[in-house]
Amino acid sequence: MNHDKKFFIRAFFKDFNGRIKNVKEIIRLGFKDEGTILALCQLDALSNFRYQPKQGLYKKCFKKLLEDYYSGVQNISAYSEDLYKYFRCAGVHKGRISVMWNVPGSKDKVFSPEGVLSILEECFDKIRKECLDSNKWLHELGSKE
């Protein structure tokens, strides 16, 4: 039975990885806003799968995902807040983020389309490893506190 579960966990991550490759290609082709929005949506999806938020707690889960799985910045709480507010929300709710590139700190490489993609890849790689090593789905991993 556990072997079957690991098969499906692998299949889930293989499919999700294909979506990340699509985002890479979109950014490579020069559609940076569109690729960034998709990368942020995929980060949001990972956070929802991982933490199973109650209605209205999506931002908290997004921030927790970065705090638990991303190591690229020192003040991760402030960074994840800005990333969610100025980029994820602007992209999802307004359909564009190009006007947001002037946010303080947005010149940092972590706010660039390639930077957001690297955040997605790092979080994805760490969660995939954790799930496969423990033979658990994302929501079964428990708290990281």
C-alpha atoms as a PDB file:
ATOM      1  CA  MET A   1       0.000   0.000   0.000  1.00  0.00           C
ATOM      2  CA  ASN A   2       2.801   2.464   0.872  1.00  0.00           C
ATOM      3  CA  HIS A   3       4.456   1.708  -2.457  1.00  0.00           C
ATOM      4  CA  ASP A   4       1.255   2.768  -4.232  1.00  0.00           C
ATOM      5  CA  LYS A   5       1.089   5.970  -2.222  1.00  0.00           C
ATOM      6  CA  LYS A   6       4.674   6.895  -3.132  1.00  0.00           C
ATOM      7  CA  PHE A   7       3.830   6.252  -6.796  1.00  0.00           C
ATOM      8  CA  PHE A   8       1.022   8.833  -6.625  1.00  0.00           C
ATOM      9  CA  ILE A   9       3.114  11.305  -4.650  1.00  0.00           C
ATOM     10  CA  ARG A  10       5.813  11.056  -7.341  1.00  0.00           C
ATOM     11  CA  ALA A  11       3.185  11.509 -10.056  1.00  0.00           C
ATOM     12  CA  PHE A  12       1.855  14.638  -8.341  1.00  0.00           C
ATOM     13  CA  PHE A  13       5.329  16.182  -8.127  1.00  0.00           C
ATOM     14  CA  LYS A  14       6.185  15.177 -11.695  1.00  0.00           C
ATOM     15  CA  ASP A  15       3.060  16.968 -12.933  1.00  0.00           C
ATOM     16  CA  PHE A  16       3.758  20.027 -10.771  1.00  0.00           C
ATOM     17  CA  ASN A  17       7.362  20.115 -11.992  1.00  0.00           C
ATOM     18  CA  GLY A  18       6.065  20.210 -15.573  1.00  0.00           C
ATOM     19  CA  ARG A  19       4.121  23.337 -14.677  1.00  0.00           C
ATOM     20  CA  ILE A  20       7.278  24.931 -13.291  1.00  0.00           C
ATOM     21  CA  LYS A  21       9.080  24.133 -16.559  1.00  0.00           C
ATOM     22  CA  ASN A  22       6.253  25.894 -18.430  1.00  0.00           C
ATOM     23  CA  VAL A  23       6.766  28.996 -16.275  1.00  0.00           C
ATOM     24  CA  LYS A  24      10.505  28.916 -17.023  1.00  0.00           C
ATOM     25  CA  GLU A  25       9.760  28.838 -20.727  1.00  0.00           C
ATOM     26  CA  ILE A  26       7.222  31.672 -20.485  1.00  0.00           C
ATOM     27  CA  ILE A  27       9.801  33.855 -18.708  1.00  0.00           C
ATOM     28  CA  ARG A  28      12.538  32.829 -21.165  1.00  0.00           C
ATOM     29  CA  LEU A  29      10.296  33.907 -24.053  1.00  0.00           C
ATOM     30  CA  GLY A  30      10.077  37.388 -22.517  1.00  0.00           C
ATOM     31  CA  PHE A  31       6.647  37.213 -20.886  1.00  0.00           C
ATOM     32  CA  LYS A  32       8.074  38.180 -17.528  1.00  0.00           C
ATOM     33  CA  ASP A  33       4.911  39.518 -15.858  1.00  0.00           C
ATOM     34  CA  GLU A  34       2.858  36.533 -16.976  1.00  0.00           C
ATOM     35  CA  GLY A  35       5.537  34.064 -15.877  1.00  0.00           C
ATOM     36  CA  THR A  36       5.939  35.798 -12.523  1.00  0.00           C
ATOM     37  CA  ILE A  37       2.184  35.758 -11.904  1.00  0.00           C
ATOM     38  CA  LEU A  38       2.070  32.036 -12.710  1.00  0.00           C
ATOM     39  CA  ALA A  39       5.068  31.330 -10.467  1.00  0.00           C
ATOM     40  CA  LEU A  40       3.372  33.185  -7.618  1.00  0.00           C
ATOM     41  CA  CYS A  41       0.134  31.269  -8.225  1.00  0.00           C
ATOM     42  CA  GLN A  42       2.097  28.024  -8.058  1.00  0.00           C
ATOM     43  CA  LEU A  43       3.727  29.110  -4.792  1.00  0.00           C
ATOM     44  CA  ASP A  44       0.243  29.887  -3.511  1.00  0.00           C
ATOM     45  CA  ALA A  45      -0.962  26.450  -4.617  1.00  0.00           C
ATOM     46  CA  LEU A  46       1.973  24.752  -2.858  1.00  0.00           C
ATOM     47  CA  SER A  47       1.183  26.673   0.315  1.00  0.00           C
ATOM     48  CA  ASN A  48      -2.468  25.631   0.099  1.00  0.00           C
ATOM     49  CA  PHE A  49      -1.581  21.971  -0.465  1.00  0.00           C
ATOM     50  CA  ARG A  50       0.992  22.094   2.338  1.00  0.00           C
ATOM     51  CA  TYR A  51      -0.970  23.912   5.058  1.00  0.00           C
ATOM     52  CA  GLN A  52      -4.640  23.374   4.092  1.00  0.00           C
ATOM     53  CA  PRO A  53      -5.744  26.914   5.035  1.00  0.00           C
ATOM     54  CA  LYS A  54      -9.138  27.809   6.356  1.00  0.00           C
ATOM     55  CA  GLN A  55     -11.025  30.403   4.341  1.00  0.00           C
ATOM     56  CA  GLY A  56      -9.212  33.737   4.441  1.00  0.00           C
ATOM     57  CA  LEU A  57      -5.861  32.454   5.757  1.00  0.00           C
ATOM     58  CA  TYR A  58      -4.148  32.147   2.379  1.00  0.00           C
ATOM     59  CA  LYS A  59      -1.682  34.970   3.017  1.00  0.00           C
ATOM     60  CA  LYS A  60      -0.604  33.373   6.301  1.00  0.00           C
ATOM     61  CA  CYS A  61       0.036  30.048   4.512  1.00  0.00           C
ATOM     62  CA  PHE A  62       1.937  31.747   1.669  1.00  0.00           C
ATOM     63  CA  LYS A  63       4.200  33.477   4.183  1.00  0.00           C
ATOM     64  CA  LYS A  64       4.658  30.265   6.192  1.00  0.00           C
ATOM     65  CA  LEU A  65       5.724  28.389   3.070  1.00  0.00           C
ATOM     66  CA  LEU A  66       8.508  30.887   2.431  1.00  0.00           C
ATOM     67  CA  GLU A  67       9.514  30.944   6.088  1.00  0.00           C
ATOM     68  CA  ASP A  68       9.715  27.134   6.179  1.00  0.00           C
ATOM     69  CA  TYR A  69      11.223  26.392   2.769  1.00  0.00           C
ATOM     70  CA  TYR A  70      13.052  29.438   1.374  1.00  0.00           C
ATOM     71  CA  SER A  71      16.505  30.453   2.585  1.00  0.00           C
ATOM     72  CA  GLY A  72      17.432  33.234   0.158  1.00  0.00           C
ATOM     73  CA  VAL A  73      16.782  36.356   2.254  1.00  0.00           C
ATOM     74  CA  GLN A  74      17.487  37.375   5.835  1.00  0.00           C
ATOM     75  CA  ASN A  75      14.231  39.074   6.850  1.00  0.00           C
ATOM     76  CA  ILE A  76      11.906  36.473   5.379  1.00  0.00           C
ATOM     77  CA  SER A  77       8.811  37.726   7.201  1.00  0.00           C
ATOM     78  CA  ALA A  78       9.008  41.244   5.690  1.00  0.00           C
ATOM     79  CA  TYR A  79      10.080  39.858   2.319  1.00  0.00           C
ATOM     80  CA  SER A  80       7.222  37.354   2.122  1.00  0.00           C
ATOM     81  CA  GLU A  81       4.777  40.098   3.144  1.00  0.00           C
ATOM     82  CA  ASP A  82       5.980  42.353   0.302  1.00  0.00           C
ATOM     83  CA  LEU A  83       6.039  39.504  -2.197  1.00  0.00           C
ATOM     84  CA  TYR A  84       2.463  38.559  -1.321  1.00  0.00           C
ATOM     85  CA  LYS A  85       1.062  42.083  -1.145  1.00  0.00           C
ATOM     86  CA  TYR A  86       2.824  43.852  -4.002  1.00  0.00           C
ATOM     87  CA  PHE A  87       3.386  41.028  -6.444  1.00  0.00           C
ATOM     88  CA  ARG A  88       1.082  38.058  -5.817  1.00  0.00           C
ATOM     89  CA  CYS A  89      -2.035  40.131  -5.034  1.00  0.00           C
ATOM     90  CA  ALA A  90      -1.320  42.725  -7.729  1.00  0.00           C
ATOM     91  CA  GLY A  91      -0.812  39.977 -10.295  1.00  0.00           C
ATOM     92  CA  VAL A  92      -3.783  37.857  -9.325  1.00  0.00           C
ATOM     93  CA  HIS A  93      -6.324  40.586  -8.598  1.00  0.00           C
ATOM     94  CA  LYS A  94      -5.217  43.265 -11.059  1.00  0.00           C
ATOM     95  CA  GLY A  95      -3.795  41.004 -13.746  1.00  0.00           C
ATOM     96  CA  ARG A  96      -0.515  42.852 -13.981  1.00  0.00           C
ATOM     97  CA  ILE A  97       2.548  43.549 -11.923  1.00  0.00           C
ATOM     98  CA  SER A  98       4.723  45.620 -14.245  1.00  0.00           C
ATOM     99  CA  VAL A  99       3.716  48.792 -12.411  1.00  0.00           C
ATOM    100  CA  MET A 100       4.872  47.164  -9.183  1.00  0.00           C
ATOM    101  CA  TRP A 101       8.539  46.832 -10.158  1.00  0.00           C
ATOM    102  CA  ASN A 102       9.160  50.203  -8.474  1.00  0.00           C
ATOM    103  CA  VAL A 103       8.268  48.895  -4.997  1.00  0.00           C
ATOM    104  CA  PRO A 104      11.133  49.533  -2.538  1.00  0.00           C
ATOM    105  CA  GLY A 105      13.487  46.591  -2.793  1.00  0.00           C
ATOM    106  CA  SER A 106      12.046  45.388  -6.098  1.00  0.00           C
ATOM    107  CA  LYS A 107      15.413  45.885  -7.779  1.00  0.00           C
ATOM    108  CA  ASP A 108      16.702  42.993  -5.666  1.00  0.00           C
ATOM    109  CA  LYS A 109      17.181  39.829  -7.662  1.00  0.00           C
ATOM    110  CA  VAL A 110      14.703  37.968  -5.449  1.00  0.00           C
ATOM    111  CA  PHE A 111      11.899  40.234  -6.679  1.00  0.00           C
ATOM    112  CA  SER A 112      12.786  39.706 -10.337  1.00  0.00           C
ATOM    113  CA  PRO A 113      10.881  37.139 -12.433  1.00  0.00           C
ATOM    114  CA  GLU A 114      13.916  34.866 -12.305  1.00  0.00           C
ATOM    115  CA  GLY A 115      14.165  35.406  -8.547  1.00  0.00           C
ATOM    116  CA  VAL A 116      10.524  34.474  -7.977  1.00  0.00           C
ATOM    117  CA  LEU A 117      11.047  31.397 -10.157  1.00  0.00           C
ATOM    118  CA  SER A 118      14.066  30.380  -8.058  1.00  0.00           C
ATOM    119  CA  ILE A 119      11.952  30.740  -4.891  1.00  0.00           C
ATOM    120  CA  LEU A 120       9.331  28.452  -6.413  1.00  0.00           C
ATOM    121  CA  GLU A 121      11.970  25.915  -7.418  1.00  0.00           C
ATOM    122  CA  GLU A 122      13.653  25.910  -4.000  1.00  0.00           C
ATOM    123  CA  CYS A 123      10.370  25.515  -2.111  1.00  0.00           C
ATOM    124  CA  PHE A 124       9.200  22.832  -4.537  1.00  0.00           C
ATOM    125  CA  ASP A 125      12.460  20.848  -4.314  1.00  0.00           C
ATOM    126  CA  LYS A 126      12.488  20.889  -0.504  1.00  0.00           C
ATOM    127  CA  ILE A 127       8.813  19.923  -0.179  1.00  0.00           C
ATOM    128  CA  ARG A 128       9.144  17.170  -2.787  1.00  0.00           C
ATOM    129  CA  LYS A 129      12.135  15.697  -0.955  1.00  0.00           C
ATOM    130  CA  GLU A 130      10.344  15.893   2.391  1.00  0.00           C
ATOM    131  CA  CYS A 131       7.231  14.185   0.999  1.00  0.00           C
ATOM    132  CA  LEU A 132       9.132  11.428  -0.801  1.00  0.00           C
ATOM    133  CA  ASP A 133      11.480  10.780   2.138  1.00  0.00           C
ATOM    134  CA  SER A 134       8.572  10.492   4.568  1.00  0.00           C
ATOM    135  CA  ASN A 135       6.095   8.934   2.105  1.00  0.00           C
ATOM    136  CA  LYS A 136       3.531  11.584   3.027  1.00  0.00           C
ATOM    137  CA  TRP A 137       1.362  14.012   1.119  1.00  0.00           C
ATOM    138  CA  LEU A 138       2.038  17.702   1.641  1.00  0.00           C
ATOM    139  CA  HIS A 139      -0.799  18.173   4.123  1.00  0.00           C
ATOM    140  CA  GLU A 140       0.350  15.109   6.115  1.00  0.00           C
ATOM    141  CA  LEU A 141       3.788  16.561   6.901  1.00  0.00           C
ATOM    142  CA  GLY A 142       2.673  18.303  10.068  1.00  0.00           C
ATOM    143  CA  SER A 143       3.973  21.481  11.587  1.00  0.00           C
ATOM    144  CA  LYS A 144       7.569  22.597  11.061  1.00  0.00           C
ATOM    145  CA  GLU A 145       7.619  24.486  14.371  1.00  0.00           C
END
